[in-house]
């Protein structure tokens, strides 16, 4: 049987793990919501937490919501990458027929 302190640490560990993932998703959502990609903050790559045990029941809905957000961001990132490739291809096929600027030569009369 676990003590109240163990249960509290277990809940806190899971809450911290979910919070880290939520921050990453929020940052990706922010990048997708603006017209340009800004430089993301540099963090260590995500590694799955170890020894957390099963997800506490009261955090299940939070985890499901997070998963749905991650899946939405994943789809939006794939779409943004596809659109970027299409734009790059379109621009590479454009012919820029810009006339040369006029040149004036001043000569003594």
C-alpha atoms as a PDB file:
ATOM      1  CA  UNK A   1       0.000   0.000   0.000  1.00  0.00           C
ATOM      2  CA  UNK A   2       1.335   3.449  -0.863  1.00  0.00           C
ATOM      3  CA  UNK A   3       1.451   6.333   1.531  1.00  0.00           C
ATOM      4  CA  UNK A   4      -0.190   9.702   0.924  1.00  0.00           C
ATOM      5  CA  UNK A   5       3.263  11.180   0.227  1.00  0.00           C
ATOM      6  CA  UNK A   6       3.954   8.508  -2.416  1.00  0.00           C
ATOM      7  CA  UNK A   7       0.580   9.154  -4.033  1.00  0.00           C
ATOM      8  CA  UNK A   8       1.251  12.881  -4.044  1.00  0.00           C
ATOM      9  CA  UNK A   9       4.674  12.382  -5.671  1.00  0.00           C
ATOM     10  CA  UNK A  10       3.141  10.030  -8.236  1.00  0.00           C
ATOM     11  CA  UNK A  11       0.439  12.565  -9.123  1.00  0.00           C
ATOM     12  CA  UNK A  12       2.979  15.386  -9.278  1.00  0.00           C
ATOM     13  CA  UNK A  13       5.325  13.384 -11.521  1.00  0.00           C
ATOM     14  CA  UNK A  14       2.507  12.704 -13.972  1.00  0.00           C
ATOM     15  CA  UNK A  15       1.307  16.318 -13.858  1.00  0.00           C
ATOM     16  CA  UNK A  16       4.849  17.516 -14.585  1.00  0.00           C
ATOM     17  CA  UNK A  17       5.219  15.085 -17.496  1.00  0.00           C
ATOM     18  CA  UNK A  18       1.917  16.225 -19.018  1.00  0.00           C
ATOM     19  CA  UNK A  19       2.808  19.882 -18.500  1.00  0.00           C
ATOM     20  CA  UNK A  20       6.068  19.486 -20.433  1.00  0.00           C
ATOM     21  CA  UNK A  21       4.180  17.966 -23.356  1.00  0.00           C
ATOM     22  CA  UNK A  22       1.519  20.683 -23.181  1.00  0.00           C
ATOM     23  CA  UNK A  23       4.206  23.375 -23.414  1.00  0.00           C
ATOM     24  CA  UNK A  24       5.640  21.762 -26.543  1.00  0.00           C
ATOM     25  CA  UNK A  25       2.203  21.557 -28.159  1.00  0.00           C
ATOM     26  CA  UNK A  26       1.405  25.150 -27.228  1.00  0.00           C
ATOM     27  CA  UNK A  27       4.642  26.316 -28.829  1.00  0.00           C
ATOM     28  CA  UNK A  28       3.849  24.418 -32.047  1.00  0.00           C
ATOM     29  CA  UNK A  29       0.295  25.815 -32.053  1.00  0.00           C
ATOM     30  CA  UNK A  30       1.701  29.332 -31.648  1.00  0.00           C
ATOM     31  CA  UNK A  31       4.044  28.851 -34.597  1.00  0.00           C
ATOM     32  CA  UNK A  32       1.177  27.660 -36.762  1.00  0.00           C
ATOM     33  CA  UNK A  33      -1.035  30.593 -35.795  1.00  0.00           C
ATOM     34  CA  UNK A  34       1.266  33.307 -37.169  1.00  0.00           C
ATOM     35  CA  UNK A  35       2.268  34.154 -40.725  1.00  0.00           C
ATOM     36  CA  UNK A  36       5.890  33.264 -40.169  1.00  0.00           C
ATOM     37  CA  UNK A  37       7.784  30.650 -38.226  1.00  0.00           C
ATOM     38  CA  UNK A  38       9.692  32.068 -35.313  1.00  0.00           C
ATOM     39  CA  UNK A  39      12.625  30.373 -33.714  1.00  0.00           C
ATOM     40  CA  UNK A  40      11.434  27.905 -31.131  1.00  0.00           C
ATOM     41  CA  UNK A  41      13.021  27.829 -27.749  1.00  0.00           C
ATOM     42  CA  UNK A  42      15.834  25.342 -27.496  1.00  0.00           C
ATOM     43  CA  UNK A  43      15.069  22.425 -25.247  1.00  0.00           C
ATOM     44  CA  UNK A  44      16.478  18.998 -24.797  1.00  0.00           C
ATOM     45  CA  UNK A  45      14.689  16.422 -26.935  1.00  0.00           C
ATOM     46  CA  UNK A  46      11.712  14.868 -25.205  1.00  0.00           C
ATOM     47  CA  UNK A  47      12.341  11.531 -23.575  1.00  0.00           C
ATOM     48  CA  UNK A  48       9.581   9.441 -22.079  1.00  0.00           C
ATOM     49  CA  UNK A  49       9.495   9.619 -18.303  1.00  0.00           C
ATOM     50  CA  UNK A  50      10.468   6.436 -16.520  1.00  0.00           C
ATOM     51  CA  UNK A  51       8.996   4.724 -13.501  1.00  0.00           C
ATOM     52  CA  UNK A  52       5.791   6.751 -13.457  1.00  0.00           C
ATOM     53  CA  UNK A  53       3.472   3.811 -13.295  1.00  0.00           C
ATOM     54  CA  UNK A  54      -0.078   4.000 -14.596  1.00  0.00           C
ATOM     55  CA  UNK A  55      -1.703   7.348 -15.292  1.00  0.00           C
ATOM     56  CA  UNK A  56      -3.774   8.575 -12.326  1.00  0.00           C
ATOM     57  CA  UNK A  57      -7.491   8.434 -13.101  1.00  0.00           C
ATOM     58  CA  UNK A  58      -8.014  12.142 -12.487  1.00  0.00           C
ATOM     59  CA  UNK A  59      -5.449  12.978 -15.223  1.00  0.00           C
ATOM     60  CA  UNK A  60      -6.946  10.749 -17.925  1.00  0.00           C
ATOM     61  CA  UNK A  61      -9.104  13.483 -19.475  1.00  0.00           C
ATOM     62  CA  UNK A  62      -6.170  15.908 -19.473  1.00  0.00           C
ATOM     63  CA  UNK A  63      -4.022  13.296 -21.239  1.00  0.00           C
ATOM     64  CA  UNK A  64      -6.768  12.627 -23.817  1.00  0.00           C
ATOM     65  CA  UNK A  65      -7.127  16.337 -24.513  1.00  0.00           C
ATOM     66  CA  UNK A  66      -3.366  16.630 -24.905  1.00  0.00           C
ATOM     67  CA  UNK A  67      -3.293  13.702 -27.324  1.00  0.00           C
ATOM     68  CA  UNK A  68      -6.044  15.299 -29.422  1.00  0.00           C
ATOM     69  CA  UNK A  69      -4.069  18.569 -29.532  1.00  0.00           C
ATOM     70  CA  UNK A  70      -0.895  16.701 -30.527  1.00  0.00           C
ATOM     71  CA  UNK A  71      -2.734  14.940 -33.358  1.00  0.00           C
ATOM     72  CA  UNK A  72      -4.252  18.225 -34.578  1.00  0.00           C
ATOM     73  CA  UNK A  73      -0.857  19.954 -34.542  1.00  0.00           C
ATOM     74  CA  UNK A  74       0.691  17.006 -36.344  1.00  0.00           C
ATOM     75  CA  UNK A  75      -1.907  17.280 -39.125  1.00  0.00           C
ATOM     76  CA  UNK A  76      -1.479  21.056 -39.331  1.00  0.00           C
ATOM     77  CA  UNK A  77       2.321  20.751 -39.506  1.00  0.00           C
ATOM     78  CA  UNK A  78       2.045  18.199 -42.306  1.00  0.00           C
ATOM     79  CA  UNK A  79      -0.317  20.522 -44.173  1.00  0.00           C
ATOM     80  CA  UNK A  80       1.970  23.527 -43.665  1.00  0.00           C
ATOM     81  CA  UNK A  81       4.963  21.545 -44.953  1.00  0.00           C
ATOM     82  CA  UNK A  82       2.969  20.411 -47.997  1.00  0.00           C
ATOM     83  CA  UNK A  83       1.851  23.996 -48.725  1.00  0.00           C
ATOM     84  CA  UNK A  84       5.425  25.216 -48.367  1.00  0.00           C
ATOM     85  CA  UNK A  85       6.642  22.649 -50.896  1.00  0.00           C
ATOM     86  CA  UNK A  86       3.869  23.682 -53.328  1.00  0.00           C
ATOM     87  CA  UNK A  87       4.806  27.354 -52.954  1.00  0.00           C
ATOM     88  CA  UNK A  88       8.485  26.580 -53.472  1.00  0.00           C
ATOM     89  CA  UNK A  89       7.683  24.634 -56.649  1.00  0.00           C
ATOM     90  CA  UNK A  90       5.425  27.396 -57.961  1.00  0.00           C
ATOM     91  CA  UNK A  91       8.049  30.059 -57.339  1.00  0.00           C
ATOM     92  CA  UNK A  92      10.775  27.979 -58.981  1.00  0.00           C
ATOM     93  CA  UNK A  93       8.664  27.772 -62.174  1.00  0.00           C
ATOM     94  CA  UNK A  94       7.967  31.484 -62.381  1.00  0.00           C
ATOM     95  CA  UNK A  95       9.801  33.466 -64.974  1.00  0.00           C
ATOM     96  CA  UNK A  96      10.824  36.858 -63.791  1.00  0.00           C
ATOM     97  CA  UNK A  97      10.834  39.117 -66.849  1.00  0.00           C
ATOM     98  CA  UNK A  98      11.756  42.280 -65.075  1.00  0.00           C
ATOM     99  CA  UNK A  99      13.171  44.832 -67.464  1.00  0.00           C
ATOM    100  CA  UNK A 100      16.581  46.197 -66.661  1.00  0.00           C
ATOM    101  CA  UNK A 101      16.452  49.630 -65.088  1.00  0.00           C
ATOM    102  CA  UNK A 102      17.186  52.504 -67.454  1.00  0.00           C
ATOM    103  CA  UNK A 103      20.752  53.679 -67.546  1.00  0.00           C
ATOM    104  CA  UNK A 104      21.560  57.300 -68.251  1.00  0.00           C
ATOM    105  CA  UNK A 105      24.951  58.412 -69.363  1.00  0.00           C
ATOM    106  CA  UNK A 106      25.839  62.023 -68.814  1.00  0.00           C
ATOM    107  CA  UNK A 107      28.272  63.218 -71.461  1.00  0.00           C
ATOM    108  CA  UNK A 108      29.786  66.680 -71.913  1.00  0.00           C
ATOM    109  CA  UNK A 109      28.234  68.597 -74.758  1.00  0.00           C
END
